[in-house]
PDB file of all heavy atoms in Angstrom:
ATOM      1  N   SER A   1       1.682  -3.133  16.932  1.00  0.00           N
ATOM      2  CA  SER A   1       0.786  -3.120  18.038  1.00  0.00           C
ATOM      3  C   SER A   1      -0.046  -1.748  18.148  1.00  0.00           C
ATOM      4  O   SER A   1      -1.028  -1.696  18.890  1.00  0.00           O
ATOM      5  CB  SER A   1       1.442  -3.420  19.308  1.00  0.00           C
ATOM      6  OG  SER A   1       2.402  -2.440  19.610  1.00  0.00           O
ATOM      7  N   ALA A   2       0.473  -0.811  17.379  1.00  0.00           N
ATOM      8  CA  ALA A   2      -0.186   0.535  17.419  1.00  0.00           C
ATOM      9  C   ALA A   2      -1.431   0.609  16.457  1.00  0.00           C
ATOM     10  O   ALA A   2      -2.099   1.698  16.357  1.00  0.00           O
ATOM     11  CB  ALA A   2       0.766   1.639  17.159  1.00  0.00           C
ATOM     12  N   TYR A   3      -1.657  -0.407  15.685  1.00  0.00           N
ATOM     13  CA  TYR A   3      -2.769  -0.420  14.689  1.00  0.00           C
ATOM     14  C   TYR A   3      -3.726  -1.519  14.873  1.00  0.00           C
ATOM     15  O   TYR A   3      -3.474  -2.559  15.429  1.00  0.00           O
ATOM     16  CB  TYR A   3      -2.100  -0.628  13.279  1.00  0.00           C
ATOM     17  CG  TYR A   3      -1.222   0.539  12.876  1.00  0.00           C
ATOM     18  CD1 TYR A   3       0.186   0.510  13.125  1.00  0.00           C
ATOM     19  CD2 TYR A   3      -1.733   1.577  12.082  1.00  0.00           C
ATOM     20  CE1 TYR A   3       0.915   1.527  12.741  1.00  0.00           C
ATOM     21  CE2 TYR A   3      -0.907   2.548  11.663  1.00  0.00           C
ATOM     22  CZ  TYR A   3       0.436   2.555  11.987  1.00  0.00           C
ATOM     23  OH  TYR A   3       1.214   3.576  11.587  1.00  0.00           O
ATOM     24  N   ASP A   4      -4.941  -1.333  14.434  1.00  0.00           N
ATOM     25  CA  ASP A   4      -5.936  -2.453  14.235  1.00  0.00           C
ATOM     26  C   ASP A   4      -5.497  -3.157  12.994  1.00  0.00           C
ATOM     27  O   ASP A   4      -5.007  -2.635  11.947  1.00  0.00           O
ATOM     28  CB  ASP A   4      -7.361  -1.846  14.088  1.00  0.00           C
ATOM     29  CG  ASP A   4      -7.954  -1.474  15.411  1.00  0.00           C
ATOM     30  OD1 ASP A   4      -7.381  -1.918  16.431  1.00  0.00           O
ATOM     31  OD2 ASP A   4      -8.943  -0.916  15.414  1.00  0.00           O
ATOM     32  N   MET A   5      -5.711  -4.502  13.010  1.00  0.00           N
ATOM     33  CA  MET A   5      -5.372  -5.347  11.855  1.00  0.00           C
ATOM     34  C   MET A   5      -6.496  -5.853  11.051  1.00  0.00           C
ATOM     35  O   MET A   5      -7.508  -6.275  11.658  1.00  0.00           O
ATOM     36  CB  MET A   5      -4.523  -6.587  12.360  1.00  0.00           C
ATOM     37  CG  MET A   5      -4.255  -7.547  11.248  1.00  0.00           C
ATOM     38  SD  MET A   5      -3.482  -6.985   9.716  1.00  0.00           S
ATOM     39  CE  MET A   5      -1.828  -6.533  10.437  1.00  0.00           C
ATOM     40  N   HIS A   6      -6.464  -5.651   9.692  1.00  0.00           N
ATOM     41  CA  HIS A   6      -7.457  -6.140   8.813  1.00  0.00           C
ATOM     42  C   HIS A   6      -6.801  -7.182   7.906  1.00  0.00           C
ATOM     43  O   HIS A   6      -5.900  -6.883   7.148  1.00  0.00           O
ATOM     44  CB  HIS A   6      -8.127  -5.001   7.941  1.00  0.00           C
ATOM     45  CG  HIS A   6      -8.873  -5.506   6.801  1.00  0.00           C
ATOM     46  ND1 HIS A   6     -10.064  -6.159   7.023  1.00  0.00           N
ATOM     47  CD2 HIS A   6      -8.667  -5.614   5.494  1.00  0.00           C
ATOM     48  CE1 HIS A   6     -10.563  -6.467   5.772  1.00  0.00           C
ATOM     49  NE2 HIS A   6      -9.746  -6.134   4.866  1.00  0.00           N
ATOM     50  N   ALA A   7      -7.148  -8.487   8.006  1.00  0.00           N
ATOM     51  CA  ALA A   7      -6.621  -9.526   7.248  1.00  0.00           C
ATOM     52  C   ALA A   7      -7.247  -9.571   5.906  1.00  0.00           C
ATOM     53  O   ALA A   7      -8.502  -9.419   5.789  1.00  0.00           O
ATOM     54  CB  ALA A   7      -6.790 -10.885   7.897  1.00  0.00           C
ATOM     55  N   MET A   8      -6.401  -9.693   4.829  1.00  0.00           N
ATOM     56  CA  MET A   8      -6.797  -9.561   3.378  1.00  0.00           C
ATOM     57  C   MET A   8      -7.294 -10.887   2.885  1.00  0.00           C
ATOM     58  O   MET A   8      -6.835 -12.007   3.410  1.00  0.00           O
ATOM     59  CB  MET A   8      -5.740  -8.957   2.591  1.00  0.00           C
ATOM     60  CG  MET A   8      -5.341  -7.544   2.985  1.00  0.00           C
ATOM     61  SD  MET A   8      -4.069  -6.885   1.947  1.00  0.00           S
ATOM     62  CE  MET A   8      -5.022  -6.583   0.441  1.00  0.00           C
ATOM     63  N   ALA A   9      -8.018 -10.865   1.842  1.00  0.00           N
ATOM     64  CA  ALA A   9      -8.297 -11.996   0.945  1.00  0.00           C
ATOM     65  C   ALA A   9      -9.059 -13.111   1.616  1.00  0.00           C
ATOM     66  O   ALA A   9      -8.967 -14.324   1.151  1.00  0.00           O
ATOM     67  CB  ALA A   9      -6.986 -12.543   0.365  1.00  0.00           C
ATOM     68  N   GLY A  10      -9.820 -12.930   2.664  1.00  0.00           N
ATOM     69  CA  GLY A  10     -10.587 -13.849   3.297  1.00  0.00           C
ATOM     70  C   GLY A  10      -9.801 -14.885   4.062  1.00  0.00           C
ATOM     71  O   GLY A  10     -10.352 -15.971   4.403  1.00  0.00           O
ATOM     72  N   ARG A  11      -8.540 -14.630   4.359  1.00  0.00           N
ATOM     73  CA  ARG A  11      -7.668 -15.508   5.121  1.00  0.00           C
ATOM     74  C   ARG A  11      -7.275 -14.834   6.379  1.00  0.00           C
ATOM     75  O   ARG A  11      -7.369 -13.628   6.569  1.00  0.00           O
ATOM     76  CB  ARG A  11      -6.512 -15.983   4.322  1.00  0.00           C
ATOM     77  CG  ARG A  11      -6.816 -16.664   3.035  1.00  0.00           C
ATOM     78  CD  ARG A  11      -7.295 -18.107   3.284  1.00  0.00           C
ATOM     79  NE  ARG A  11      -6.242 -18.889   4.002  1.00  0.00           N
ATOM     80  CZ  ARG A  11      -6.372 -20.219   4.234  1.00  0.00           C
ATOM     81  NH1 ARG A  11      -7.429 -20.853   3.655  1.00  0.00           N
ATOM     82  NH2 ARG A  11      -5.419 -20.898   4.876  1.00  0.00           N
ATOM     83  N   ASP A  12      -6.697 -15.621   7.362  1.00  0.00           N
ATOM     84  CA  ASP A  12      -6.081 -15.043   8.488  1.00  0.00           C
ATOM     85  C   ASP A  12      -4.472 -15.310   8.436  1.00  0.00           C
ATOM     86  O   ASP A  12      -4.107 -16.223   7.747  1.00  0.00           O
ATOM     87  CB  ASP A  12      -6.587 -15.641   9.756  1.00  0.00           C
ATOM     88  CG  ASP A  12      -6.543 -14.679  10.925  1.00  0.00           C
ATOM     89  OD1 ASP A  12      -6.416 -13.495  10.716  1.00  0.00           O
ATOM     90  OD2 ASP A  12      -6.803 -15.154  12.121  1.00  0.00           O
ATOM     91  N   TYR A  13      -3.722 -14.501   9.167  1.00  0.00           N
ATOM     92  CA  TYR A  13      -2.277 -14.507   9.001  1.00  0.00           C
ATOM     93  C   TYR A  13      -1.648 -14.274  10.265  1.00  0.00           C
ATOM     94  O   TYR A  13      -2.133 -13.661  11.237  1.00  0.00           O
ATOM     95  CB  TYR A  13      -1.845 -13.543   7.915  1.00  0.00           C
ATOM     96  CG  TYR A  13      -2.566 -13.617   6.632  1.00  0.00           C
ATOM     97  CD1 TYR A  13      -3.626 -12.714   6.414  1.00  0.00           C
ATOM     98  CD2 TYR A  13      -2.287 -14.458   5.679  1.00  0.00           C
ATOM     99  CE1 TYR A  13      -4.288 -12.726   5.190  1.00  0.00           C
ATOM    100  CE2 TYR A  13      -2.976 -14.526   4.467  1.00  0.00           C
ATOM    101  CZ  TYR A  13      -4.006 -13.666   4.300  1.00  0.00           C
ATOM    102  OH  TYR A  13      -4.694 -13.724   3.102  1.00  0.00           O
ATOM    103  N   HIS A  14      -0.320 -14.689  10.354  1.00  0.00           N
ATOM    104  CA  HIS A  14       0.537 -14.144  11.371  1.00  0.00           C
ATOM    105  C   HIS A  14       1.934 -13.864  10.658  1.00  0.00           C
ATOM    106  O   HIS A  14       2.131 -14.269   9.549  1.00  0.00           O
ATOM    107  CB  HIS A  14       0.774 -15.045  12.570  1.00  0.00           C
ATOM    108  CG  HIS A  14       1.164 -16.463  12.346  1.00  0.00           C
ATOM    109  ND1 HIS A  14       1.369 -17.409  13.340  1.00  0.00           N
ATOM    110  CD2 HIS A  14       1.601 -17.198  11.229  1.00  0.00           C
ATOM    111  CE1 HIS A  14       1.772 -18.516  12.802  1.00  0.00           C
ATOM    112  NE2 HIS A  14       1.900 -18.409  11.529  1.00  0.00           N
ATOM    113  N   PHE A  15       2.833 -13.235  11.500  1.00  0.00           N
ATOM    114  CA  PHE A  15       4.021 -12.809  10.903  1.00  0.00           C
ATOM    115  C   PHE A  15       5.293 -13.304  11.773  1.00  0.00           C
ATOM    116  O   PHE A  15       5.271 -13.188  13.023  1.00  0.00           O
ATOM    117  CB  PHE A  15       4.192 -11.298  10.831  1.00  0.00           C
ATOM    118  CG  PHE A  15       3.070 -10.618   9.948  1.00  0.00           C
ATOM    119  CD1 PHE A  15       1.916 -10.284  10.556  1.00  0.00           C
ATOM    120  CD2 PHE A  15       3.285 -10.433   8.655  1.00  0.00           C
ATOM    121  CE1 PHE A  15       0.882  -9.709   9.877  1.00  0.00           C
ATOM    122  CE2 PHE A  15       2.235  -9.964   7.900  1.00  0.00           C
ATOM    123  CZ  PHE A  15       1.035  -9.507   8.526  1.00  0.00           C
ATOM    124  N   PHE A  16       6.258 -13.812  11.082  1.00  0.00           N
ATOM    125  CA  PHE A  16       7.547 -14.230  11.790  1.00  0.00           C
ATOM    126  C   PHE A  16       8.460 -13.138  11.559  1.00  0.00           C
ATOM    127  O   PHE A  16       8.896 -12.740  10.421  1.00  0.00           O
ATOM    128  CB  PHE A  16       8.048 -15.545  11.214  1.00  0.00           C
ATOM    129  CG  PHE A  16       9.291 -15.999  11.897  1.00  0.00           C
ATOM    130  CD1 PHE A  16       9.232 -16.821  13.008  1.00  0.00           C
ATOM    131  CD2 PHE A  16      10.578 -15.703  11.390  1.00  0.00           C
ATOM    132  CE1 PHE A  16      10.371 -17.218  13.615  1.00  0.00           C
ATOM    133  CE2 PHE A  16      11.773 -16.192  12.015  1.00  0.00           C
ATOM    134  CZ  PHE A  16      11.609 -16.943  13.154  1.00  0.00           C
ATOM    135  N   ILE A  17       9.086 -12.520  12.655  1.00  0.00           N
ATOM    136  CA  ILE A  17       9.888 -11.344  12.630  1.00  0.00           C
ATOM    137  C   ILE A  17      11.118 -11.728  13.327  1.00  0.00           C
ATOM    138  O   ILE A  17      11.096 -12.313  14.488  1.00  0.00           O
ATOM    139  CB  ILE A  17       9.175 -10.158  13.237  1.00  0.00           C
ATOM    140  CG1 ILE A  17       7.960  -9.772  12.504  1.00  0.00           C
ATOM    141  CG2 ILE A  17      10.066  -8.862  13.226  1.00  0.00           C
ATOM    142  CD1 ILE A  17       7.107  -8.657  13.169  1.00  0.00           C
ATOM    143  N   ASN A  18      12.321 -11.319  12.852  1.00  0.00           N
ATOM    144  CA  ASN A  18      13.604 -11.619  13.480  1.00  0.00           C
ATOM    145  C   ASN A  18      14.491 -10.460  13.209  1.00  0.00           C
ATOM    146  O   ASN A  18      14.196  -9.534  12.344  1.00  0.00           O
ATOM    147  CB  ASN A  18      14.242 -12.873  12.755  1.00  0.00           C
ATOM    148  CG  ASN A  18      15.429 -13.385  13.515  1.00  0.00           C
ATOM    149  OD1 ASN A  18      15.600 -13.139  14.683  1.00  0.00           O
ATOM    150  ND2 ASN A  18      16.229 -14.194  12.819  1.00  0.00           N
ATOM    151  N   ASP A  19      15.535 -10.253  13.963  1.00  0.00           N
ATOM    152  CA  ASP A  19      16.520  -9.233  13.727  1.00  0.00           C
ATOM    153  C   ASP A  19      17.968  -9.638  13.888  1.00  0.00           C
ATOM    154  O   ASP A  19      18.225 -10.793  14.062  1.00  0.00           O
ATOM    155  CB  ASP A  19      16.147  -7.999  14.669  1.00  0.00           C
ATOM    156  CG  ASP A  19      16.327  -8.331  16.145  1.00  0.00           C
ATOM    157  OD1 ASP A  19      16.986  -9.312  16.479  1.00  0.00           O
ATOM    158  OD2 ASP A  19      15.875  -7.511  17.016  1.00  0.00           O
ATOM    159  N   ALA A  20      18.888  -8.704  13.784  1.00  0.00           N
ATOM    160  CA  ALA A  20      20.310  -9.102  13.896  1.00  0.00           C
ATOM    161  C   ALA A  20      20.770  -9.628  15.261  1.00  0.00           C
ATOM    162  O   ALA A  20      21.806 -10.274  15.359  1.00  0.00           O
ATOM    163  CB  ALA A  20      21.144  -7.816  13.579  1.00  0.00           C
ATOM    164  N   ALA A  21      19.935  -9.371  16.244  1.00  0.00           N
ATOM    165  CA  ALA A  21      20.298  -9.947  17.552  1.00  0.00           C
ATOM    166  C   ALA A  21      19.665 -11.317  17.774  1.00  0.00           C
ATOM    167  O   ALA A  21      19.833 -11.984  18.810  1.00  0.00           O
ATOM    168  CB  ALA A  21      19.783  -9.000  18.672  1.00  0.00           C
ATOM    169  N   GLY A  22      18.882 -11.833  16.781  1.00  0.00           N
ATOM    170  CA  GLY A  22      18.293 -13.136  16.916  1.00  0.00           C
ATOM    171  C   GLY A  22      16.998 -13.032  17.794  1.00  0.00           C
ATOM    172  O   GLY A  22      16.544 -14.129  18.223  1.00  0.00           O
ATOM    173  N   ASP A  23      16.308 -11.923  17.878  1.00  0.00           N
ATOM    174  CA  ASP A  23      15.172 -11.750  18.618  1.00  0.00           C
ATOM    175  C   ASP A  23      13.993 -12.193  17.745  1.00  0.00           C
ATOM    176  O   ASP A  23      13.476 -11.377  16.982  1.00  0.00           O
ATOM    177  CB  ASP A  23      14.963 -10.308  19.026  1.00  0.00           C
ATOM    178  CG  ASP A  23      13.659 -10.038  19.892  1.00  0.00           C
ATOM    179  OD1 ASP A  23      12.952 -11.043  20.206  1.00  0.00           O
ATOM    180  OD2 ASP A  23      13.388  -8.930  20.277  1.00  0.00           O
ATOM    181  N   ALA A  24      13.696 -13.438  17.649  1.00  0.00           N
ATOM    182  CA  ALA A  24      12.572 -13.962  16.780  1.00  0.00           C
ATOM    183  C   ALA A  24      11.223 -14.094  17.495  1.00  0.00           C
ATOM    184  O   ALA A  24      11.221 -14.771  18.593  1.00  0.00           O
ATOM    185  CB  ALA A  24      13.019 -15.312  16.275  1.00  0.00           C
ATOM    186  N   ARG A  25      10.213 -13.463  16.934  1.00  0.00           N
ATOM    187  CA  ARG A  25       8.922 -13.549  17.455  1.00  0.00           C
ATOM    188  C   ARG A  25       7.922 -13.726  16.371  1.00  0.00           C
ATOM    189  O   ARG A  25       8.079 -13.300  15.242  1.00  0.00           O
ATOM    190  CB  ARG A  25       8.645 -12.309  18.324  1.00  0.00           C
ATOM    191  CG  ARG A  25       9.541 -12.060  19.431  1.00  0.00           C
ATOM    192  CD  ARG A  25       9.164 -10.812  20.323  1.00  0.00           C
ATOM    193  NE  ARG A  25      10.193  -9.932  20.558  1.00  0.00           N
ATOM    194  CZ  ARG A  25      10.044  -8.757  21.217  1.00  0.00           C
ATOM    195  NH1 ARG A  25       8.810  -8.480  21.690  1.00  0.00           N
ATOM    196  NH2 ARG A  25      11.113  -7.953  21.456  1.00  0.00           N
ATOM    197  N   VAL A  26       6.795 -14.333  16.824  1.00  0.00           N
ATOM    198  CA  VAL A  26       5.625 -14.405  15.986  1.00  0.00           C
ATOM    199  C   VAL A  26       4.532 -13.451  16.359  1.00  0.00           C
ATOM    200  O   VAL A  26       4.205 -13.437  17.613  1.00  0.00           O
ATOM    201  CB  VAL A  26       4.991 -15.860  15.916  1.00  0.00           C
ATOM    202  CG1 VAL A  26       3.762 -15.826  15.144  1.00  0.00           C
ATOM    203  CG2 VAL A  26       6.032 -16.775  15.281  1.00  0.00           C
ATOM    204  N   VAL A  27       4.187 -12.575  15.511  1.00  0.00           N
ATOM    205  CA  VAL A  27       3.120 -11.578  15.830  1.00  0.00           C
ATOM    206  C   VAL A  27       1.728 -12.123  15.344  1.00  0.00           C
ATOM    207  O   VAL A  27       1.634 -12.510  14.180  1.00  0.00           O
ATOM    208  CB  VAL A  27       3.425 -10.180  15.158  1.00  0.00           C
ATOM    209  CG1 VAL A  27       2.232  -9.267  15.198  1.00  0.00           C
ATOM    210  CG2 VAL A  27       4.610  -9.592  15.826  1.00  0.00           C
ATOM    211  N   GLU A  28       0.746 -12.159  16.277  1.00  0.00           N
ATOM    212  CA  GLU A  28      -0.511 -12.790  16.088  1.00  0.00           C
ATOM    213  C   GLU A  28      -1.627 -11.954  16.644  1.00  0.00           C
ATOM    214  O   GLU A  28      -1.408 -10.993  17.488  1.00  0.00           O
ATOM    215  CB  GLU A  28      -0.531 -14.225  16.612  1.00  0.00           C
ATOM    216  CG  GLU A  28       0.454 -15.136  16.044  1.00  0.00           C
ATOM    217  CD  GLU A  28       0.661 -16.371  16.764  1.00  0.00           C
ATOM    218  OE1 GLU A  28       0.441 -16.358  18.002  1.00  0.00           O
ATOM    219  OE2 GLU A  28       0.983 -17.483  16.092  1.00  0.00           O
ATOM    220  N   TRP A  29      -2.855 -12.257  16.296  1.00  0.00           N
ATOM    221  CA  TRP A  29      -4.056 -11.626  16.858  1.00  0.00           C
ATOM    222  C   TRP A  29      -4.934 -12.766  17.374  1.00  0.00           C
ATOM    223  O   TRP A  29      -5.399 -13.555  16.644  1.00  0.00           O
ATOM    224  CB  TRP A  29      -4.772 -10.769  15.818  1.00  0.00           C
ATOM    225  CG  TRP A  29      -3.934  -9.537  15.496  1.00  0.00           C
ATOM    226  CD1 TRP A  29      -4.117  -8.317  15.987  1.00  0.00           C
ATOM    227  CD2 TRP A  29      -2.767  -9.419  14.578  1.00  0.00           C
ATOM    228  NE1 TRP A  29      -3.165  -7.427  15.515  1.00  0.00           N
ATOM    229  CE2 TRP A  29      -2.278  -8.093  14.634  1.00  0.00           C
ATOM    230  CE3 TRP A  29      -2.096 -10.361  13.808  1.00  0.00           C
ATOM    231  CZ2 TRP A  29      -1.227  -7.647  13.930  1.00  0.00           C
ATOM    232  CZ3 TRP A  29      -0.963 -10.012  13.100  1.00  0.00           C
ATOM    233  CH2 TRP A  29      -0.568  -8.631  13.185  1.00  0.00           C
ATOM    234  N   ASN A  30      -5.004 -12.841  18.722  1.00  0.00           N
ATOM    235  CA  ASN A  30      -5.513 -13.940  19.509  1.00  0.00           C
ATOM    236  C   ASN A  30      -6.937 -14.323  18.988  1.00  0.00           C
ATOM    237  O   ASN A  30      -7.865 -13.579  19.124  1.00  0.00           O
ATOM    238  CB  ASN A  30      -5.629 -13.595  20.979  1.00  0.00           C
ATOM    239  CG  ASN A  30      -6.054 -14.741  21.871  1.00  0.00           C
ATOM    240  OD1 ASN A  30      -6.415 -15.748  21.365  1.00  0.00           O
ATOM    241  ND2 ASN A  30      -5.916 -14.490  23.092  1.00  0.00           N
ATOM    242  N   PRO A  31      -7.106 -15.636  18.380  1.00  0.00           N
ATOM    243  CA  PRO A  31      -8.390 -15.957  17.813  1.00  0.00           C
ATOM    244  C   PRO A  31      -9.451 -16.275  18.882  1.00  0.00           C
ATOM    245  O   PRO A  31     -10.637 -16.325  18.556  1.00  0.00           O
ATOM    246  CB  PRO A  31      -8.037 -17.235  17.023  1.00  0.00           C
ATOM    247  CG  PRO A  31      -6.935 -17.825  17.758  1.00  0.00           C
ATOM    248  CD  PRO A  31      -6.118 -16.599  18.228  1.00  0.00           C
ATOM    249  N   ARG A  32      -9.002 -16.427  20.073  1.00  0.00           N
ATOM    250  CA  ARG A  32      -9.966 -16.635  21.206  1.00  0.00           C
ATOM    251  C   ARG A  32     -10.440 -15.496  21.931  1.00  0.00           C
ATOM    252  O   ARG A  32     -11.244 -15.570  22.941  1.00  0.00           O
ATOM    253  CB  ARG A  32      -9.312 -17.710  22.250  1.00  0.00           C
ATOM    254  CG  ARG A  32      -9.128 -19.045  21.562  1.00  0.00           C
ATOM    255  CD  ARG A  32      -8.447 -20.016  22.487  1.00  0.00           C
ATOM    256  NE  ARG A  32      -8.361 -21.459  21.977  1.00  0.00           N
ATOM    257  CZ  ARG A  32      -7.670 -22.415  22.472  1.00  0.00           C
ATOM    258  NH1 ARG A  32      -6.996 -22.147  23.568  1.00  0.00           N
ATOM    259  NH2 ARG A  32      -7.711 -23.597  22.030  1.00  0.00           N
ATOM    260  N   ASP A  33      -9.940 -14.325  21.596  1.00  0.00           N
ATOM    261  CA  ASP A  33     -10.280 -13.004  22.166  1.00  0.00           C
ATOM    262  C   ASP A  33     -11.304 -12.335  21.292  1.00  0.00           C
ATOM    263  O   ASP A  33     -10.927 -12.102  20.058  1.00  0.00           O
ATOM    264  CB  ASP A  33      -9.083 -12.188  22.374  1.00  0.00           C
ATOM    265  CG  ASP A  33      -9.362 -10.926  23.138  1.00  0.00           C
ATOM    266  OD1 ASP A  33     -10.273 -10.237  22.756  1.00  0.00           O
ATOM    267  OD2 ASP A  33      -8.563 -10.643  23.986  1.00  0.00           O
ATOM    268  N   PRO A  34     -12.396 -11.886  21.741  1.00  0.00           N
ATOM    269  CA  PRO A  34     -13.404 -11.195  20.897  1.00  0.00           C
ATOM    270  C   PRO A  34     -12.838 -10.018  20.221  1.00  0.00           C
ATOM    271  O   PRO A  34     -13.224  -9.620  19.103  1.00  0.00           O
ATOM    272  CB  PRO A  34     -14.530 -10.788  21.835  1.00  0.00           C
ATOM    273  CG  PRO A  34     -14.414 -11.769  22.922  1.00  0.00           C
ATOM    274  CD  PRO A  34     -12.894 -12.058  23.090  1.00  0.00           C
TER     275      PRO A  34
END
């Protein structure tokens, strides 16, 4: 969240992140927000 994101290769992406506590989240950049 501390960076601006540049998606590569002419595609868009999100990331599935999990940890040892089972805190699973998807990190995304809202397509409906300018």
